[in-house]
Amino acid sequence: MALVIRRSKIHADGVYATAPIKRKHIVVEYTGPRLTNDQADAIYGHSPRTYLFGLTDGEHVIDGDNIAAFINHSCDPNCEADEIDGRVFIRAIRNIATGEELSYDYNLYDGDPDDPAPCYCQARHCRGTLFADRKRAKAQGTSKTGKQRTR
């Protein structure tokens, strides 16, 4: 899949399609070293920016080292992340046009409780944060289910 990194209208740098991408197509794998959460905290505990993707075991993250790490969050994404046997694949959830920025919903589930993790996607139904609805619901005293991912 031919992808390119360039300045994003969403945030910082983003990933763009250089050719049409069909719905359900695997766009890219999120690759990098696997770290325990403790290792990641030791390395990035004071870093303002990370490219960590939390795995569903709740104990490990992928320290993103390829183009997938630059895919931005959106509350109205055109991709989703699928974890299969400890590997993370970014898959198109609709047809994506040449030149369109790729995005997926980060659904953050951990982090500093005082960090609002603001969202810059400007989607029509933007929830205003990168945190999953479940995280926001927990802070408000309710509970909802959601996928657990971090970056």
N, C-alpha and C. Protein backbone atom coordinates (compact mmCIF):
# COMPACT_ATOMS: atom_id res chain seq x y z
N MET A 1 0.86 -1.17 0.00
CA MET A 1 0.00 0.00 0.00
C MET A 1 0.91 1.24 0.00
N ALA A 2 0.70 2.12 -0.93
CA ALA A 2 1.49 3.34 -1.03
C ALA A 2 0.84 4.43 -0.17
N LEU A 3 1.56 4.82 0.86
CA LEU A 3 1.11 5.86 1.78
C LEU A 3 2.21 6.91 1.91
N VAL A 4 1.83 8.10 2.34
CA VAL A 4 2.80 9.17 2.51
C VAL A 4 2.47 9.96 3.78
N ILE A 5 3.51 10.47 4.43
CA ILE A 5 3.34 11.33 5.61
C ILE A 5 3.49 12.78 5.16
N ARG A 6 2.55 13.62 5.59
CA ARG A 6 2.67 15.06 5.35
C ARG A 6 1.88 15.81 6.41
N ARG A 7 1.96 17.13 6.41
CA ARG A 7 1.26 17.93 7.40
C ARG A 7 -0.23 17.59 7.38
N SER A 8 -0.81 17.54 8.57
CA SER A 8 -2.20 17.14 8.71
C SER A 8 -3.09 18.31 9.05
N LYS A 9 -4.32 18.27 8.56
CA LYS A 9 -5.33 19.25 8.96
C LYS A 9 -5.88 18.89 10.34
N ILE A 10 -5.68 17.65 10.77
CA ILE A 10 -6.16 17.22 12.09
C ILE A 10 -5.17 17.61 13.17
N HIS A 11 -3.91 17.13 13.03
CA HIS A 11 -2.92 17.39 14.07
C HIS A 11 -1.53 17.01 13.57
N ALA A 12 -0.58 17.90 13.68
CA ALA A 12 0.83 17.64 13.37
C ALA A 12 0.96 17.00 11.98
N ASP A 13 1.58 15.82 11.93
CA ASP A 13 1.73 15.10 10.67
C ASP A 13 0.71 13.98 10.61
N GLY A 14 0.32 13.62 9.40
CA GLY A 14 -0.66 12.55 9.21
C GLY A 14 -0.27 11.68 8.04
N VAL A 15 -1.03 10.62 7.84
CA VAL A 15 -0.78 9.66 6.77
C VAL A 15 -1.89 9.81 5.72
N TYR A 16 -1.46 9.84 4.46
CA TYR A 16 -2.39 10.06 3.36
C TYR A 16 -2.29 8.92 2.35
N ALA A 17 -3.42 8.61 1.73
CA ALA A 17 -3.47 7.58 0.69
C ALA A 17 -2.94 8.17 -0.62
N THR A 18 -2.09 7.43 -1.30
CA THR A 18 -1.59 7.86 -2.61
C THR A 18 -2.30 7.15 -3.75
N ALA A 19 -3.24 6.29 -3.38
CA ALA A 19 -4.09 5.57 -4.34
C ALA A 19 -5.38 5.23 -3.60
N PRO A 20 -6.45 4.98 -4.33
CA PRO A 20 -7.70 4.59 -3.66
C PRO A 20 -7.52 3.33 -2.81
N ILE A 21 -8.21 3.28 -1.69
CA ILE A 21 -8.18 2.12 -0.80
C ILE A 21 -9.61 1.63 -0.65
N LYS A 22 -9.82 0.36 -0.87
CA LYS A 22 -11.17 -0.22 -0.77
C LYS A 22 -11.51 -0.58 0.67
N ARG A 23 -12.80 -0.45 0.97
CA ARG A 23 -13.34 -0.83 2.27
C ARG A 23 -12.90 -2.25 2.62
N LYS A 24 -12.57 -2.47 3.87
CA LYS A 24 -12.14 -3.75 4.45
C LYS A 24 -10.68 -4.11 4.13
N HIS A 25 -10.02 -3.33 3.28
CA HIS A 25 -8.64 -3.62 2.92
C HIS A 25 -7.71 -3.31 4.09
N ILE A 26 -6.75 -4.19 4.36
CA ILE A 26 -5.74 -3.90 5.36
C ILE A 26 -4.78 -2.88 4.76
N VAL A 27 -4.67 -1.74 5.43
CA VAL A 27 -3.88 -0.63 4.92
C VAL A 27 -2.42 -0.76 5.33
N VAL A 28 -2.19 -1.07 6.61
CA VAL A 28 -0.83 -1.14 7.13
C VAL A 28 -0.87 -1.86 8.48
N GLU A 29 0.24 -2.47 8.84
CA GLU A 29 0.37 -3.06 10.17
C GLU A 29 1.08 -2.06 11.08
N TYR A 30 0.60 -1.94 12.32
CA TYR A 30 1.24 -1.08 13.33
C TYR A 30 2.37 -1.91 13.92
N THR A 31 3.61 -1.55 13.60
CA THR A 31 4.75 -2.36 14.02
C THR A 31 5.65 -1.60 14.98
N GLY A 32 6.50 -2.34 15.65
CA GLY A 32 7.48 -1.78 16.57
C GLY A 32 7.76 -2.75 17.68
N PRO A 33 8.73 -2.41 18.52
CA PRO A 33 9.05 -3.29 19.64
C PRO A 33 7.86 -3.45 20.59
N ARG A 34 7.72 -4.65 21.13
CA ARG A 34 6.71 -4.90 22.17
C ARG A 34 7.36 -4.57 23.50
N LEU A 35 6.70 -3.75 24.29
CA LEU A 35 7.19 -3.37 25.62
C LEU A 35 6.13 -3.71 26.65
N THR A 36 6.55 -4.00 27.86
CA THR A 36 5.58 -4.09 28.94
C THR A 36 5.16 -2.67 29.28
N ASN A 37 4.04 -2.54 29.97
CA ASN A 37 3.61 -1.21 30.38
C ASN A 37 4.66 -0.54 31.27
N ASP A 38 5.29 -1.33 32.15
CA ASP A 38 6.33 -0.77 33.02
C ASP A 38 7.53 -0.28 32.21
N GLN A 39 7.93 -1.03 31.19
CA GLN A 39 9.04 -0.59 30.34
C GLN A 39 8.68 0.71 29.63
N ALA A 40 7.47 0.77 29.09
CA ALA A 40 7.03 1.98 28.39
C ALA A 40 6.99 3.17 29.34
N ASP A 41 6.51 2.96 30.56
CA ASP A 41 6.47 4.05 31.55
C ASP A 41 7.88 4.53 31.87
N ALA A 42 8.83 3.60 31.98
CA ALA A 42 10.21 3.98 32.29
C ALA A 42 10.83 4.78 31.15
N ILE A 43 10.52 4.41 29.92
CA ILE A 43 11.09 5.10 28.76
C ILE A 43 10.39 6.43 28.50
N TYR A 44 9.06 6.43 28.57
CA TYR A 44 8.27 7.58 28.11
C TYR A 44 7.50 8.29 29.21
N GLY A 45 7.79 7.99 30.47
CA GLY A 45 7.04 8.56 31.58
C GLY A 45 6.92 10.06 31.57
N HIS A 46 7.92 10.76 31.04
CA HIS A 46 7.90 12.23 31.03
C HIS A 46 7.85 12.79 29.62
N SER A 47 7.57 11.96 28.66
CA SER A 47 7.54 12.40 27.27
C SER A 47 6.15 12.94 26.92
N PRO A 48 6.09 14.11 26.29
CA PRO A 48 4.79 14.67 25.93
C PRO A 48 4.13 13.96 24.74
N ARG A 49 4.90 13.21 23.97
CA ARG A 49 4.35 12.54 22.79
C ARG A 49 4.89 11.13 22.72
N THR A 50 4.00 10.18 22.53
CA THR A 50 4.40 8.78 22.35
C THR A 50 3.62 8.19 21.18
N TYR A 51 4.09 7.07 20.71
CA TYR A 51 3.40 6.34 19.66
C TYR A 51 3.15 4.91 20.14
N LEU A 52 2.61 4.82 21.34
CA LEU A 52 2.36 3.52 21.98
C LEU A 52 0.94 3.06 21.68
N PHE A 53 0.82 1.80 21.31
CA PHE A 53 -0.48 1.21 21.03
C PHE A 53 -0.70 0.08 22.02
N GLY A 54 -1.68 0.23 22.91
CA GLY A 54 -1.96 -0.77 23.93
C GLY A 54 -2.60 -2.01 23.37
N LEU A 55 -2.05 -3.15 23.75
CA LEU A 55 -2.60 -4.43 23.29
C LEU A 55 -3.69 -4.91 24.24
N THR A 56 -4.53 -5.78 23.76
CA THR A 56 -5.70 -6.20 24.54
C THR A 56 -5.35 -7.02 25.76
N ASP A 57 -4.11 -7.50 25.88
CA ASP A 57 -3.74 -8.23 27.10
C ASP A 57 -3.62 -7.29 28.29
N GLY A 58 -3.61 -5.98 28.03
CA GLY A 58 -3.53 -4.98 29.09
C GLY A 58 -2.17 -4.86 29.73
N GLU A 59 -1.20 -5.62 29.27
CA GLU A 59 0.12 -5.63 29.88
C GLU A 59 1.24 -5.18 28.94
N HIS A 60 0.94 -5.08 27.65
CA HIS A 60 1.96 -4.76 26.66
C HIS A 60 1.48 -3.66 25.71
N VAL A 61 2.46 -2.97 25.13
CA VAL A 61 2.20 -1.97 24.10
C VAL A 61 3.16 -2.20 22.94
N ILE A 62 2.78 -1.69 21.79
CA ILE A 62 3.68 -1.63 20.65
C ILE A 62 4.22 -0.21 20.60
N ASP A 63 5.53 -0.08 20.55
CA ASP A 63 6.19 1.22 20.43
C ASP A 63 6.34 1.49 18.93
N GLY A 64 5.36 2.18 18.37
CA GLY A 64 5.26 2.36 16.92
C GLY A 64 6.52 2.91 16.27
N ASP A 65 6.96 2.20 15.21
CA ASP A 65 8.18 2.63 14.51
C ASP A 65 8.01 2.68 12.99
N ASN A 66 6.77 2.67 12.54
CA ASN A 66 6.55 2.75 11.09
C ASN A 66 5.50 3.81 10.79
N ILE A 67 5.11 3.91 9.54
CA ILE A 67 4.18 4.95 9.09
C ILE A 67 2.85 4.90 9.83
N ALA A 68 2.43 3.73 10.29
CA ALA A 68 1.15 3.59 10.99
C ALA A 68 1.11 4.45 12.26
N ALA A 69 2.27 4.69 12.86
CA ALA A 69 2.32 5.50 14.08
C ALA A 69 1.89 6.94 13.84
N PHE A 70 1.87 7.37 12.58
CA PHE A 70 1.50 8.75 12.25
C PHE A 70 0.04 8.91 11.84
N ILE A 71 -0.72 7.83 11.89
CA ILE A 71 -2.15 7.93 11.57
C ILE A 71 -2.85 8.62 12.74
N ASN A 72 -3.54 9.69 12.45
CA ASN A 72 -4.20 10.49 13.47
C ASN A 72 -5.54 9.92 13.91
N HIS A 73 -5.98 10.40 15.06
CA HIS A 73 -7.29 10.08 15.61
C HIS A 73 -8.37 10.91 14.92
N SER A 74 -9.54 10.32 14.78
CA SER A 74 -10.73 11.06 14.39
C SER A 74 -11.94 10.41 15.05
N CYS A 75 -12.89 11.22 15.44
CA CYS A 75 -14.16 10.71 15.98
C CYS A 75 -15.06 10.21 14.84
N ASP A 76 -14.69 10.51 13.59
CA ASP A 76 -15.38 10.03 12.40
C ASP A 76 -14.33 9.41 11.48
N PRO A 77 -13.76 8.27 11.89
CA PRO A 77 -12.61 7.71 11.17
C PRO A 77 -12.98 7.00 9.88
N ASN A 78 -11.94 6.78 9.05
CA ASN A 78 -12.12 5.99 7.84
C ASN A 78 -11.42 4.63 7.96
N CYS A 79 -10.77 4.40 9.10
CA CYS A 79 -10.09 3.14 9.36
C CYS A 79 -10.39 2.67 10.78
N GLU A 80 -10.02 1.43 11.07
CA GLU A 80 -10.09 0.91 12.42
C GLU A 80 -8.87 0.05 12.66
N ALA A 81 -8.55 -0.14 13.91
CA ALA A 81 -7.42 -1.00 14.28
C ALA A 81 -7.96 -2.34 14.74
N ASP A 82 -7.41 -3.41 14.18
CA ASP A 82 -7.80 -4.76 14.56
C ASP A 82 -6.58 -5.49 15.11
N GLU A 83 -6.70 -6.03 16.32
CA GLU A 83 -5.63 -6.83 16.88
C GLU A 83 -5.92 -8.30 16.61
N ILE A 84 -4.96 -8.96 15.96
CA ILE A 84 -5.08 -10.37 15.63
C ILE A 84 -3.80 -11.06 16.08
N ASP A 85 -3.93 -11.93 17.07
CA ASP A 85 -2.77 -12.68 17.59
C ASP A 85 -1.62 -11.76 17.97
N GLY A 86 -1.93 -10.67 18.64
CA GLY A 86 -0.90 -9.76 19.13
C GLY A 86 -0.34 -8.81 18.09
N ARG A 87 -0.85 -8.87 16.88
CA ARG A 87 -0.44 -7.95 15.81
C ARG A 87 -1.59 -6.99 15.57
N VAL A 88 -1.26 -5.75 15.22
CA VAL A 88 -2.29 -4.73 15.02
C VAL A 88 -2.29 -4.30 13.55
N PHE A 89 -3.45 -4.42 12.94
CA PHE A 89 -3.62 -4.05 11.54
C PHE A 89 -4.60 -2.88 11.45
N ILE A 90 -4.27 -1.92 10.61
CA ILE A 90 -5.16 -0.80 10.34
C ILE A 90 -5.92 -1.15 9.07
N ARG A 91 -7.24 -1.17 9.18
CA ARG A 91 -8.11 -1.62 8.09
C ARG A 91 -9.07 -0.49 7.72
N ALA A 92 -9.31 -0.32 6.43
CA ALA A 92 -10.27 0.68 5.95
C ALA A 92 -11.69 0.23 6.30
N ILE A 93 -12.48 1.13 6.87
CA ILE A 93 -13.88 0.80 7.18
C ILE A 93 -14.84 1.40 6.15
N ARG A 94 -14.28 2.10 5.19
CA ARG A 94 -15.04 2.60 4.05
C ARG A 94 -14.04 2.83 2.92
N ASN A 95 -14.52 3.09 1.72
CA ASN A 95 -13.62 3.40 0.62
C ASN A 95 -12.92 4.73 0.93
N ILE A 96 -11.63 4.80 0.64
CA ILE A 96 -10.83 5.98 0.91
C ILE A 96 -10.27 6.48 -0.41
N ALA A 97 -10.43 7.76 -0.67
CA ALA A 97 -9.98 8.36 -1.93
C ALA A 97 -8.49 8.71 -1.90
N THR A 98 -7.90 8.76 -3.07
CA THR A 98 -6.52 9.24 -3.20
C THR A 98 -6.42 10.62 -2.58
N GLY A 99 -5.39 10.83 -1.77
CA GLY A 99 -5.17 12.13 -1.15
C GLY A 99 -5.87 12.33 0.18
N GLU A 100 -6.72 11.39 0.57
CA GLU A 100 -7.46 11.50 1.83
C GLU A 100 -6.58 11.08 3.01
N GLU A 101 -6.71 11.81 4.12
CA GLU A 101 -5.95 11.46 5.32
C GLU A 101 -6.59 10.25 5.99
N LEU A 102 -5.75 9.31 6.43
CA LEU A 102 -6.22 8.14 7.16
C LEU A 102 -6.39 8.50 8.63
N SER A 103 -7.37 7.89 9.26
CA SER A 103 -7.61 8.12 10.69
C SER A 103 -8.34 6.93 11.28
N TYR A 104 -8.17 6.77 12.59
CA TYR A 104 -8.96 5.78 13.33
C TYR A 104 -9.23 6.36 14.71
N ASP A 105 -10.21 5.81 15.39
CA ASP A 105 -10.58 6.28 16.73
C ASP A 105 -9.63 5.65 17.73
N TYR A 106 -8.83 6.47 18.40
CA TYR A 106 -7.84 5.95 19.35
C TYR A 106 -8.49 5.27 20.55
N ASN A 107 -9.65 5.74 20.98
CA ASN A 107 -10.31 5.15 22.15
C ASN A 107 -9.34 4.97 23.31
N LEU A 108 -8.61 6.00 23.67
CA LEU A 108 -7.66 5.90 24.77
C LEU A 108 -8.36 5.43 26.04
N TYR A 109 -7.64 4.62 26.82
CA TYR A 109 -8.23 4.09 28.04
C TYR A 109 -7.36 4.31 29.26
N ASP A 110 -6.19 4.85 29.09
CA ASP A 110 -5.34 5.12 30.24
C ASP A 110 -4.69 6.49 30.07
N GLY A 111 -3.96 6.92 31.06
CA GLY A 111 -3.29 8.21 30.99
C GLY A 111 -3.55 9.01 32.25
N ASP A 112 -3.00 10.18 32.27
CA ASP A 112 -3.15 11.09 33.40
C ASP A 112 -4.60 11.53 33.51
N PRO A 113 -5.22 11.32 34.66
CA PRO A 113 -6.64 11.70 34.82
C PRO A 113 -6.88 13.20 34.63
N ASP A 114 -5.84 14.01 34.82
CA ASP A 114 -6.00 15.45 34.64
C ASP A 114 -5.76 15.90 33.20
N ASP A 115 -5.36 14.97 32.33
CA ASP A 115 -5.11 15.28 30.93
C ASP A 115 -6.39 15.06 30.13
N PRO A 116 -6.97 16.11 29.58
CA PRO A 116 -8.21 15.93 28.82
C PRO A 116 -7.99 15.27 27.46
N ALA A 117 -6.73 15.12 27.03
CA ALA A 117 -6.40 14.53 25.73
C ALA A 117 -7.33 15.09 24.66
N PRO A 118 -7.23 16.39 24.38
CA PRO A 118 -8.17 17.02 23.45
C PRO A 118 -8.10 16.45 22.04
N CYS A 119 -9.24 16.40 21.42
CA CYS A 119 -9.36 15.94 20.04
C CYS A 119 -9.41 17.17 19.13
N TYR A 120 -8.72 17.07 18.01
CA TYR A 120 -8.67 18.17 17.04
C TYR A 120 -9.30 17.80 15.70
N CYS A 121 -10.06 16.71 15.68
CA CYS A 121 -10.54 16.19 14.39
C CYS A 121 -11.57 17.08 13.71
N GLN A 122 -12.31 17.86 14.44
CA GLN A 122 -13.35 18.75 13.91
C GLN A 122 -14.47 18.00 13.20
N ALA A 123 -14.65 16.74 13.54
CA ALA A 123 -15.77 15.97 12.97
C ALA A 123 -17.09 16.53 13.49
N ARG A 124 -18.12 16.33 12.75
CA ARG A 124 -19.44 16.85 13.11
C ARG A 124 -19.87 16.42 14.51
N HIS A 125 -19.57 15.17 14.87
CA HIS A 125 -19.96 14.64 16.18
C HIS A 125 -18.72 14.35 17.04
N CYS A 126 -17.75 15.27 16.99
CA CYS A 126 -16.52 15.11 17.77
C CYS A 126 -16.87 15.08 19.25
N ARG A 127 -16.29 14.12 20.00
CA ARG A 127 -16.57 14.03 21.43
C ARG A 127 -15.60 14.90 22.24
N GLY A 128 -14.62 15.53 21.57
CA GLY A 128 -13.76 16.49 22.24
C GLY A 128 -12.56 15.90 22.94
N THR A 129 -12.41 14.59 22.94
CA THR A 129 -11.30 13.93 23.61
C THR A 129 -10.90 12.67 22.86
N LEU A 130 -9.64 12.26 23.05
CA LEU A 130 -9.17 11.01 22.47
C LEU A 130 -9.59 9.81 23.31
N PHE A 131 -10.06 10.06 24.54
CA PHE A 131 -10.47 8.97 25.42
C PHE A 131 -11.74 8.31 24.92
N ALA A 132 -11.82 7.02 25.18
CA ALA A 132 -13.01 6.24 24.83
C ALA A 132 -14.20 6.73 25.63
N ASP A 133 -15.38 6.49 25.13
CA ASP A 133 -16.60 6.85 25.85
C ASP A 133 -16.63 6.22 27.22
N ARG A 134 -16.11 4.99 27.34
CA ARG A 134 -16.09 4.29 28.62
C ARG A 134 -15.30 5.07 29.66
N LYS A 135 -14.15 5.63 29.25
CA LYS A 135 -13.31 6.41 30.17
C LYS A 135 -14.07 7.65 30.63
N ARG A 136 -14.74 8.32 29.70
CA ARG A 136 -15.51 9.52 30.06
C ARG A 136 -16.68 9.13 30.95
N ALA A 137 -17.33 7.99 30.65
CA ALA A 137 -18.46 7.54 31.46
C ALA A 137 -18.01 7.21 32.87
N LYS A 138 -16.85 6.57 33.01
CA LYS A 138 -16.32 6.22 34.33
C LYS A 138 -16.09 7.49 35.16
N ALA A 139 -15.54 8.51 34.52
CA ALA A 139 -15.28 9.77 35.23
C ALA A 139 -16.58 10.43 35.67
N GLN A 140 -17.67 10.13 34.93
CA GLN A 140 -18.97 10.71 35.26
C GLN A 140 -19.80 9.78 36.13
N GLY A 141 -19.23 8.63 36.51
CA GLY A 141 -19.92 7.71 37.42
C GLY A 141 -20.77 6.66 36.74
N THR A 142 -20.65 6.51 35.41
CA THR A 142 -21.37 5.47 34.69
C THR A 142 -20.37 4.58 33.98
N SER A 143 -20.82 3.52 33.37
CA SER A 143 -19.91 2.60 32.70
C SER A 143 -20.47 2.21 31.35
N LYS A 144 -19.60 2.20 30.34
CA LYS A 144 -19.94 1.73 29.01
C LYS A 144 -18.81 0.83 28.54
N THR A 145 -19.09 -0.05 27.60
CA THR A 145 -18.04 -0.90 27.06
C THR A 145 -17.40 -0.22 25.88
N GLY A 146 -16.17 -0.61 25.59
CA GLY A 146 -15.45 -0.06 24.45
C GLY A 146 -14.14 -0.77 24.25
N LYS A 147 -13.59 -0.66 23.08
CA LYS A 147 -12.30 -1.28 22.80
C LYS A 147 -11.21 -0.53 23.53
N GLN A 148 -10.18 -1.24 23.91
CA GLN A 148 -9.08 -0.63 24.64
C GLN A 148 -7.88 -0.47 23.73
N ARG A 149 -7.55 0.79 23.47
CA ARG A 149 -6.41 1.11 22.62
C ARG A 149 -5.75 2.34 23.19
N THR A 150 -4.47 2.47 22.93
CA THR A 150 -3.77 3.68 23.34
C THR A 150 -2.74 4.00 22.28
N ARG A 151 -2.32 5.21 22.31
CA ARG A 151 -1.26 5.62 21.41
C ARG A 151 -0.44 6.65 22.10
